[in-house]
């Protein structure tokens, strides 16, 4: 019998400059929150449960904690507000065993992104995971593409 060993989540990012060239790309591992684990358990058995489809970025560099329920300082303007992503499943070890959500933001102003999270609501909701991105400055016209992948390893 296979045993669930862990949930491993990774955020992958790319910043594309106004010239259309990639100027930065990086990956960071996430911290799945206590509320995120609880919502995943609910999703397994409740057809009315709300799935995780939104990505959000923020400006706080406070270390993630399993008790987090929101980003430290979510960006809600300049094209970097929380947005529904494209959700898919991909194969890591077993067919469709990995959840993926991807979105692209286009900055209409300047900001330094320091954190990211996955949510199940457009404005509030449950936060599945949170990670620090490192200080990544964006200027108007640049795009930030983020992909969150959560593999269920056995």
N, C-alpha and C. Protein backbone atom coordinates (compact mmCIF):
# COMPACT_ATOMS: atom_id res chain seq x y z
N UNK A 1 0.85 -1.18 0.00
CA UNK A 1 0.00 0.00 0.00
C UNK A 1 0.89 1.24 0.00
N UNK A 2 0.57 2.19 -0.88
CA UNK A 2 1.30 3.46 -0.91
C UNK A 2 0.88 4.32 0.26
N UNK A 3 1.81 5.08 0.77
CA UNK A 3 1.55 5.99 1.88
C UNK A 3 1.84 7.41 1.42
N UNK A 4 0.94 8.33 1.72
CA UNK A 4 1.17 9.74 1.41
C UNK A 4 2.32 10.22 2.27
N UNK A 5 3.39 10.69 1.63
CA UNK A 5 4.58 11.10 2.38
C UNK A 5 4.64 12.60 2.58
N UNK A 6 4.25 13.36 1.57
CA UNK A 6 4.33 14.81 1.73
C UNK A 6 3.62 15.51 0.59
N UNK A 7 3.43 16.77 0.78
CA UNK A 7 2.96 17.66 -0.28
C UNK A 7 4.10 18.62 -0.56
N UNK A 8 4.56 18.63 -1.80
CA UNK A 8 5.66 19.52 -2.14
C UNK A 8 5.18 20.54 -3.14
N UNK A 9 5.20 21.80 -2.73
CA UNK A 9 4.79 22.88 -3.61
C UNK A 9 5.95 23.75 -4.01
N UNK A 10 5.94 24.19 -5.26
CA UNK A 10 6.99 25.05 -5.78
C UNK A 10 6.35 26.15 -6.61
N UNK A 11 6.83 27.38 -6.42
CA UNK A 11 6.45 28.51 -7.26
C UNK A 11 7.58 28.75 -8.25
N UNK A 12 7.23 28.92 -9.52
CA UNK A 12 8.19 29.29 -10.56
C UNK A 12 7.76 30.64 -11.12
N UNK A 13 8.72 31.53 -11.31
CA UNK A 13 8.43 32.89 -11.78
C UNK A 13 9.32 33.29 -12.93
N UNK A 14 8.76 34.18 -13.77
CA UNK A 14 9.52 34.82 -14.83
C UNK A 14 9.09 36.28 -14.90
N UNK A 15 10.05 37.17 -14.97
CA UNK A 15 9.76 38.58 -15.24
C UNK A 15 10.21 38.87 -16.66
N UNK A 16 9.29 39.42 -17.45
CA UNK A 16 9.59 39.81 -18.82
C UNK A 16 9.56 41.33 -18.90
N UNK A 17 10.64 41.91 -19.42
CA UNK A 17 10.76 43.35 -19.53
C UNK A 17 9.88 43.92 -20.62
N UNK A 18 9.82 45.21 -20.70
CA UNK A 18 9.00 45.89 -21.71
C UNK A 18 9.52 45.64 -23.12
N UNK A 19 10.76 45.16 -23.23
CA UNK A 19 11.32 44.82 -24.54
C UNK A 19 10.97 43.40 -24.98
N UNK A 20 10.20 42.68 -24.14
CA UNK A 20 9.79 41.32 -24.47
C UNK A 20 10.80 40.26 -24.11
N UNK A 21 11.91 40.65 -23.50
CA UNK A 21 12.94 39.69 -23.13
C UNK A 21 12.82 39.32 -21.66
N UNK A 22 13.04 38.05 -21.35
CA UNK A 22 13.04 37.59 -19.96
C UNK A 22 14.24 38.21 -19.27
N UNK A 23 13.99 38.90 -18.15
CA UNK A 23 15.10 39.51 -17.43
C UNK A 23 15.38 38.84 -16.10
N UNK A 24 14.47 37.94 -15.66
CA UNK A 24 14.71 37.21 -14.41
C UNK A 24 13.78 36.01 -14.38
N UNK A 25 14.28 34.91 -13.82
CA UNK A 25 13.43 33.75 -13.55
C UNK A 25 14.00 33.03 -12.33
N UNK A 26 13.12 32.45 -11.53
CA UNK A 26 13.54 31.81 -10.30
C UNK A 26 12.43 30.91 -9.78
N UNK A 27 12.78 30.06 -8.81
CA UNK A 27 11.83 29.15 -8.16
C UNK A 27 12.00 29.25 -6.66
N UNK A 28 10.90 29.05 -5.94
CA UNK A 28 10.94 28.99 -4.47
C UNK A 28 9.98 27.91 -4.01
N UNK A 29 10.39 27.19 -2.96
CA UNK A 29 9.50 26.20 -2.36
C UNK A 29 8.54 26.93 -1.43
N UNK A 30 7.37 26.32 -1.22
CA UNK A 30 6.32 26.94 -0.42
C UNK A 30 6.21 26.33 0.96
N UNK A 31 5.38 26.96 1.76
CA UNK A 31 4.94 26.44 3.04
C UNK A 31 3.43 26.26 2.92
N UNK A 32 2.93 25.04 3.07
CA UNK A 32 1.49 24.81 3.07
C UNK A 32 0.98 25.18 4.46
N UNK A 33 -0.05 26.01 4.51
CA UNK A 33 -0.58 26.49 5.78
C UNK A 33 -1.49 25.44 6.43
N UNK A 34 -1.73 25.59 7.74
CA UNK A 34 -2.67 24.72 8.43
C UNK A 34 -4.05 24.79 7.80
N UNK A 35 -4.50 26.01 7.49
CA UNK A 35 -5.80 26.19 6.84
C UNK A 35 -5.81 25.55 5.46
N UNK A 36 -4.68 25.58 4.77
CA UNK A 36 -4.57 24.95 3.46
C UNK A 36 -4.75 23.44 3.55
N UNK A 37 -4.08 22.81 4.54
CA UNK A 37 -4.26 21.37 4.73
C UNK A 37 -5.71 21.04 5.03
N UNK A 38 -6.34 21.83 5.89
CA UNK A 38 -7.74 21.58 6.24
C UNK A 38 -8.65 21.70 5.01
N UNK A 39 -8.41 22.70 4.16
CA UNK A 39 -9.22 22.88 2.96
C UNK A 39 -8.98 21.74 1.97
N UNK A 40 -7.77 21.25 1.85
CA UNK A 40 -7.48 20.11 0.98
C UNK A 40 -8.25 18.87 1.45
N UNK A 41 -8.32 18.66 2.76
CA UNK A 41 -9.09 17.54 3.29
C UNK A 41 -10.57 17.71 2.97
N UNK A 42 -11.07 18.93 3.07
CA UNK A 42 -12.47 19.21 2.75
C UNK A 42 -12.74 18.96 1.26
N UNK A 43 -11.82 19.36 0.41
CA UNK A 43 -11.98 19.15 -1.04
C UNK A 43 -12.09 17.66 -1.38
N UNK A 44 -11.46 16.81 -0.60
CA UNK A 44 -11.48 15.38 -0.87
C UNK A 44 -12.86 14.77 -0.66
N UNK A 45 -13.69 15.41 0.15
CA UNK A 45 -14.96 14.77 0.46
C UNK A 45 -16.19 15.64 0.39
N UNK A 46 -16.08 16.88 0.00
CA UNK A 46 -17.22 17.79 -0.01
C UNK A 46 -17.32 18.46 -1.38
N UNK A 47 -18.34 18.09 -2.13
CA UNK A 47 -18.52 18.63 -3.48
C UNK A 47 -18.73 20.14 -3.48
N UNK A 48 -19.13 20.72 -2.35
CA UNK A 48 -19.37 22.16 -2.26
C UNK A 48 -18.10 22.93 -1.87
N UNK A 49 -17.00 22.22 -1.60
CA UNK A 49 -15.76 22.89 -1.21
C UNK A 49 -15.23 23.73 -2.36
N UNK A 50 -14.57 24.84 -2.03
CA UNK A 50 -14.09 25.79 -3.03
C UNK A 50 -12.61 25.51 -3.33
N UNK A 51 -12.28 25.23 -4.59
CA UNK A 51 -10.89 24.92 -4.95
C UNK A 51 -9.99 26.15 -4.97
N UNK A 52 -8.70 25.91 -4.99
CA UNK A 52 -7.68 26.95 -5.01
C UNK A 52 -7.37 27.33 -6.45
N UNK A 53 -7.77 28.54 -6.84
CA UNK A 53 -7.59 28.97 -8.23
C UNK A 53 -6.98 30.36 -8.37
N UNK A 54 -6.68 31.03 -7.27
CA UNK A 54 -6.20 32.42 -7.31
C UNK A 54 -4.76 32.52 -6.82
N UNK A 55 -3.99 33.35 -7.50
CA UNK A 55 -2.63 33.68 -7.07
C UNK A 55 -2.59 35.16 -6.68
N UNK A 56 -1.83 35.45 -5.63
CA UNK A 56 -1.69 36.83 -5.18
C UNK A 56 -0.23 37.08 -4.82
N UNK A 57 0.21 38.32 -4.99
CA UNK A 57 1.56 38.71 -4.61
C UNK A 57 1.48 39.88 -3.63
N UNK A 58 2.56 40.04 -2.86
CA UNK A 58 2.58 41.10 -1.87
C UNK A 58 3.97 41.65 -1.65
N UNK A 59 4.06 42.60 -0.71
CA UNK A 59 5.32 43.32 -0.47
C UNK A 59 5.95 43.02 0.89
N UNK A 60 5.42 42.08 1.64
CA UNK A 60 5.97 41.78 2.96
C UNK A 60 7.08 40.73 2.86
N UNK A 61 8.15 40.93 3.63
CA UNK A 61 9.23 39.96 3.67
C UNK A 61 9.22 39.16 4.97
N UNK A 62 8.10 39.23 5.71
CA UNK A 62 7.94 38.45 6.94
C UNK A 62 7.94 36.96 6.60
N UNK A 63 8.70 36.19 7.34
CA UNK A 63 8.81 34.75 7.07
C UNK A 63 7.45 34.06 7.14
N UNK A 64 7.17 33.14 6.22
CA UNK A 64 5.92 32.38 6.26
C UNK A 64 5.82 31.52 7.52
N UNK A 65 4.59 31.32 7.98
CA UNK A 65 4.31 30.45 9.13
C UNK A 65 3.08 29.61 8.80
N UNK A 66 3.02 28.41 9.36
CA UNK A 66 1.88 27.53 9.08
C UNK A 66 0.56 28.12 9.54
N UNK A 67 0.61 29.08 10.44
CA UNK A 67 -0.61 29.72 10.93
C UNK A 67 -1.06 30.92 10.09
N UNK A 68 -0.30 31.27 9.04
CA UNK A 68 -0.69 32.39 8.17
C UNK A 68 -2.04 32.11 7.52
N UNK A 69 -2.85 33.16 7.43
CA UNK A 69 -4.14 33.07 6.74
C UNK A 69 -4.25 34.08 5.60
N UNK A 70 -3.25 34.93 5.47
CA UNK A 70 -3.23 35.95 4.42
C UNK A 70 -1.78 36.35 4.16
N UNK A 71 -1.55 37.01 3.04
CA UNK A 71 -0.23 37.57 2.79
C UNK A 71 0.01 38.70 3.78
N UNK A 72 1.25 39.03 4.02
CA UNK A 72 1.56 40.10 4.95
C UNK A 72 1.13 41.46 4.45
N UNK A 73 1.28 41.72 3.14
CA UNK A 73 0.91 43.01 2.54
C UNK A 73 0.57 42.78 1.07
N UNK A 74 -0.62 42.24 0.83
CA UNK A 74 -1.04 41.92 -0.53
C UNK A 74 -1.17 43.16 -1.40
N UNK A 75 -0.67 43.07 -2.63
CA UNK A 75 -0.81 44.17 -3.59
C UNK A 75 -2.20 44.07 -4.22
N UNK A 76 -2.94 45.17 -4.20
CA UNK A 76 -4.32 45.16 -4.69
C UNK A 76 -4.56 46.15 -5.83
N UNK A 77 -3.48 46.69 -6.40
CA UNK A 77 -3.59 47.69 -7.48
C UNK A 77 -2.48 47.45 -8.51
N UNK A 78 -2.31 48.35 -9.41
CA UNK A 78 -1.29 48.46 -10.45
C UNK A 78 -1.10 47.18 -11.29
N UNK A 79 -2.18 46.45 -11.51
CA UNK A 79 -2.11 45.26 -12.35
C UNK A 79 -1.56 44.04 -11.64
N UNK A 80 -1.21 44.16 -10.36
CA UNK A 80 -0.64 43.05 -9.61
C UNK A 80 -1.60 42.48 -8.57
N UNK A 81 -2.91 42.81 -8.72
CA UNK A 81 -3.89 42.32 -7.76
C UNK A 81 -4.15 40.81 -7.95
N UNK A 82 -4.78 40.22 -6.93
CA UNK A 82 -5.10 38.79 -6.96
C UNK A 82 -5.91 38.46 -8.20
N UNK A 83 -5.57 37.34 -8.83
CA UNK A 83 -6.22 36.99 -10.09
C UNK A 83 -6.40 35.48 -10.18
N UNK A 84 -7.50 35.08 -10.83
CA UNK A 84 -7.73 33.66 -11.08
C UNK A 84 -6.74 33.18 -12.12
N UNK A 85 -6.15 32.05 -11.86
CA UNK A 85 -5.20 31.47 -12.79
C UNK A 85 -5.82 30.36 -13.60
N UNK A 86 -5.03 29.81 -14.49
CA UNK A 86 -5.43 28.65 -15.26
C UNK A 86 -4.99 27.42 -14.49
N UNK A 87 -5.97 26.58 -14.14
CA UNK A 87 -5.70 25.39 -13.34
C UNK A 87 -5.60 24.17 -14.24
N UNK A 88 -4.64 23.31 -13.93
CA UNK A 88 -4.48 22.07 -14.66
C UNK A 88 -3.91 21.01 -13.72
N UNK A 89 -3.87 19.79 -14.21
CA UNK A 89 -3.19 18.72 -13.50
C UNK A 89 -2.14 18.15 -14.44
N UNK A 90 -1.00 17.82 -13.87
CA UNK A 90 0.09 17.24 -14.64
C UNK A 90 0.58 15.99 -13.92
N UNK A 91 1.41 15.23 -14.58
CA UNK A 91 1.89 13.98 -14.02
C UNK A 91 3.30 14.13 -13.47
N UNK A 92 3.47 13.75 -12.19
CA UNK A 92 4.79 13.68 -11.57
C UNK A 92 5.20 12.21 -11.45
N UNK A 93 4.42 11.43 -10.69
CA UNK A 93 4.69 10.00 -10.52
C UNK A 93 3.55 9.13 -11.05
N UNK A 94 2.33 9.61 -10.85
CA UNK A 94 1.12 8.89 -11.25
C UNK A 94 0.30 9.87 -12.09
N UNK A 95 -0.41 9.40 -13.08
CA UNK A 95 -1.18 10.27 -13.97
C UNK A 95 -2.01 11.28 -13.18
N UNK A 96 -1.84 12.57 -13.50
CA UNK A 96 -2.60 13.68 -12.93
C UNK A 96 -2.46 13.83 -11.42
N UNK A 97 -1.29 13.49 -10.85
CA UNK A 97 -1.10 13.57 -9.40
C UNK A 97 -0.60 14.93 -8.91
N UNK A 98 -0.49 15.90 -9.83
CA UNK A 98 0.08 17.19 -9.48
C UNK A 98 -0.84 18.32 -9.95
N UNK A 99 -1.18 19.20 -9.01
CA UNK A 99 -2.03 20.37 -9.27
C UNK A 99 -1.14 21.52 -9.72
N UNK A 100 -1.62 22.29 -10.70
CA UNK A 100 -0.86 23.44 -11.19
C UNK A 100 -1.82 24.60 -11.46
N UNK A 101 -1.39 25.81 -11.06
CA UNK A 101 -2.13 27.02 -11.39
C UNK A 101 -1.13 28.06 -11.89
N UNK A 102 -1.47 28.72 -13.00
CA UNK A 102 -0.57 29.67 -13.65
C UNK A 102 -1.31 30.96 -13.97
N UNK A 103 -0.64 32.08 -13.79
CA UNK A 103 -1.20 33.36 -14.20
C UNK A 103 -0.08 34.32 -14.59
N UNK A 104 -0.47 35.36 -15.30
CA UNK A 104 0.46 36.42 -15.67
C UNK A 104 -0.14 37.76 -15.28
N UNK A 105 0.65 38.56 -14.59
CA UNK A 105 0.26 39.92 -14.23
C UNK A 105 1.03 40.88 -15.11
N UNK A 106 0.40 42.01 -15.46
CA UNK A 106 1.12 43.07 -16.16
C UNK A 106 1.09 44.31 -15.29
N UNK A 107 2.26 44.75 -14.85
CA UNK A 107 2.36 45.90 -13.96
C UNK A 107 2.00 47.18 -14.69
N UNK A 108 1.18 48.00 -14.04
CA UNK A 108 0.86 49.33 -14.57
C UNK A 108 1.50 50.42 -13.71
N UNK A 109 2.35 50.00 -12.80
CA UNK A 109 3.11 50.89 -11.92
C UNK A 109 4.32 50.11 -11.42
N UNK A 110 5.02 50.68 -10.46
CA UNK A 110 6.21 50.03 -9.91
C UNK A 110 5.92 49.43 -8.54
N UNK A 111 6.50 48.26 -8.28
CA UNK A 111 6.36 47.61 -6.98
C UNK A 111 7.49 46.60 -6.84
N UNK A 112 7.82 46.28 -5.60
CA UNK A 112 8.77 45.22 -5.31
C UNK A 112 8.01 44.06 -4.69
N UNK A 113 7.93 42.97 -5.41
CA UNK A 113 7.23 41.77 -4.95
C UNK A 113 8.15 41.00 -4.02
N UNK A 114 7.62 40.65 -2.84
CA UNK A 114 8.39 39.92 -1.82
C UNK A 114 7.75 38.59 -1.43
N UNK A 115 6.45 38.41 -1.74
CA UNK A 115 5.74 37.22 -1.27
C UNK A 115 4.67 36.81 -2.27
N UNK A 116 4.23 35.56 -2.15
CA UNK A 116 3.20 35.02 -3.04
C UNK A 116 2.36 34.03 -2.25
N UNK A 117 1.09 33.89 -2.66
CA UNK A 117 0.21 32.92 -2.03
C UNK A 117 -0.83 32.42 -3.01
N UNK A 118 -1.41 31.25 -2.69
CA UNK A 118 -2.49 30.65 -3.47
C UNK A 118 -3.74 30.67 -2.60
N UNK A 119 -4.87 31.10 -3.19
CA UNK A 119 -6.12 31.27 -2.46
C UNK A 119 -7.28 30.60 -3.18
N UNK A 120 -8.41 30.48 -2.46
CA UNK A 120 -9.61 29.92 -3.07
C UNK A 120 -10.73 30.95 -3.21
N UNK A 121 -10.38 32.24 -3.21
CA UNK A 121 -11.38 33.30 -3.34
C UNK A 121 -10.70 34.53 -3.94
N UNK A 122 -11.49 35.34 -4.63
CA UNK A 122 -10.96 36.51 -5.32
C UNK A 122 -10.52 37.62 -4.37
N UNK A 123 -11.05 37.66 -3.14
CA UNK A 123 -10.69 38.74 -2.22
C UNK A 123 -10.30 38.27 -0.83
N UNK A 124 -10.87 37.19 -0.35
CA UNK A 124 -10.53 36.69 1.00
C UNK A 124 -10.18 35.21 0.87
N UNK A 125 -10.99 34.35 1.46
CA UNK A 125 -10.83 32.91 1.30
C UNK A 125 -9.68 32.32 2.10
N UNK A 126 -9.44 31.05 1.83
CA UNK A 126 -8.40 30.28 2.50
C UNK A 126 -7.11 30.34 1.69
N UNK A 127 -6.00 30.54 2.39
CA UNK A 127 -4.69 30.54 1.74
C UNK A 127 -4.10 29.13 1.84
N UNK A 128 -3.84 28.52 0.70
CA UNK A 128 -3.24 27.19 0.67
C UNK A 128 -1.78 27.23 1.06
N UNK A 129 -1.04 28.16 0.45
CA UNK A 129 0.39 28.21 0.70
C UNK A 129 0.91 29.63 0.57
N UNK A 130 2.12 29.81 1.10
CA UNK A 130 2.77 31.12 1.04
C UNK A 130 4.27 30.89 0.91
N UNK A 131 4.92 31.78 0.19
CA UNK A 131 6.38 31.72 0.06
C UNK A 131 6.91 33.13 -0.13
N UNK A 132 8.17 33.32 0.23
CA UNK A 132 8.85 34.57 -0.07
C UNK A 132 9.52 34.45 -1.44
N UNK A 133 9.46 35.51 -2.20
CA UNK A 133 10.00 35.49 -3.56
C UNK A 133 11.39 36.10 -3.65
N UNK A 134 11.81 36.78 -2.58
CA UNK A 134 13.00 37.62 -2.68
C UNK A 134 12.52 38.95 -3.24
N UNK A 135 13.28 39.98 -3.07
CA UNK A 135 12.88 41.32 -3.52
C UNK A 135 13.00 41.39 -5.04
N UNK A 136 11.85 41.37 -5.72
CA UNK A 136 11.81 41.39 -7.19
C UNK A 136 11.07 42.65 -7.64
N UNK A 137 11.82 43.62 -8.15
CA UNK A 137 11.25 44.90 -8.57
C UNK A 137 10.63 44.78 -9.95
N UNK A 138 9.43 45.33 -10.08
CA UNK A 138 8.72 45.40 -11.36
C UNK A 138 8.43 46.85 -11.67
N UNK A 139 8.52 47.20 -12.94
CA UNK A 139 8.16 48.55 -13.36
C UNK A 139 6.99 48.46 -14.34
N UNK A 140 6.36 49.57 -14.59
CA UNK A 140 5.20 49.62 -15.47
C UNK A 140 5.51 49.01 -16.83
N UNK A 141 4.61 48.13 -17.27
CA UNK A 141 4.76 47.48 -18.57
C UNK A 141 5.44 46.12 -18.51
N UNK A 142 6.08 45.80 -17.41
CA UNK A 142 6.70 44.49 -17.27
C UNK A 142 5.65 43.46 -16.85
N UNK A 143 5.91 42.20 -17.19
CA UNK A 143 4.99 41.14 -16.78
C UNK A 143 5.68 40.18 -15.83
N UNK A 144 4.88 39.65 -14.92
CA UNK A 144 5.31 38.64 -13.97
C UNK A 144 4.44 37.42 -14.22
N UNK A 145 5.05 36.32 -14.58
CA UNK A 145 4.31 35.06 -14.76
C UNK A 145 4.66 34.16 -13.59
N UNK A 146 3.61 33.65 -12.93
CA UNK A 146 3.80 32.77 -11.80
C UNK A 146 3.07 31.45 -12.00
N UNK A 147 3.74 30.37 -11.66
CA UNK A 147 3.14 29.04 -11.71
C UNK A 147 3.37 28.37 -10.37
N UNK A 148 2.28 27.86 -9.78
CA UNK A 148 2.39 27.10 -8.53
C UNK A 148 2.07 25.66 -8.85
N UNK A 149 2.95 24.76 -8.41
CA UNK A 149 2.77 23.35 -8.64
C UNK A 149 2.80 22.64 -7.28
N UNK A 150 1.78 21.81 -7.03
CA UNK A 150 1.70 21.06 -5.77
C UNK A 150 1.63 19.58 -6.11
N UNK A 151 2.72 18.88 -5.83
CA UNK A 151 2.80 17.44 -6.12
C UNK A 151 2.41 16.65 -4.87
N UNK A 152 1.60 15.65 -5.07
CA UNK A 152 1.21 14.76 -3.99
C UNK A 152 2.07 13.52 -4.14
N UNK A 153 3.10 13.40 -3.30
CA UNK A 153 4.09 12.33 -3.44
C UNK A 153 3.72 11.11 -2.62
N UNK A 154 3.89 9.96 -3.24
CA UNK A 154 3.70 8.69 -2.53
C UNK A 154 4.98 7.89 -2.61
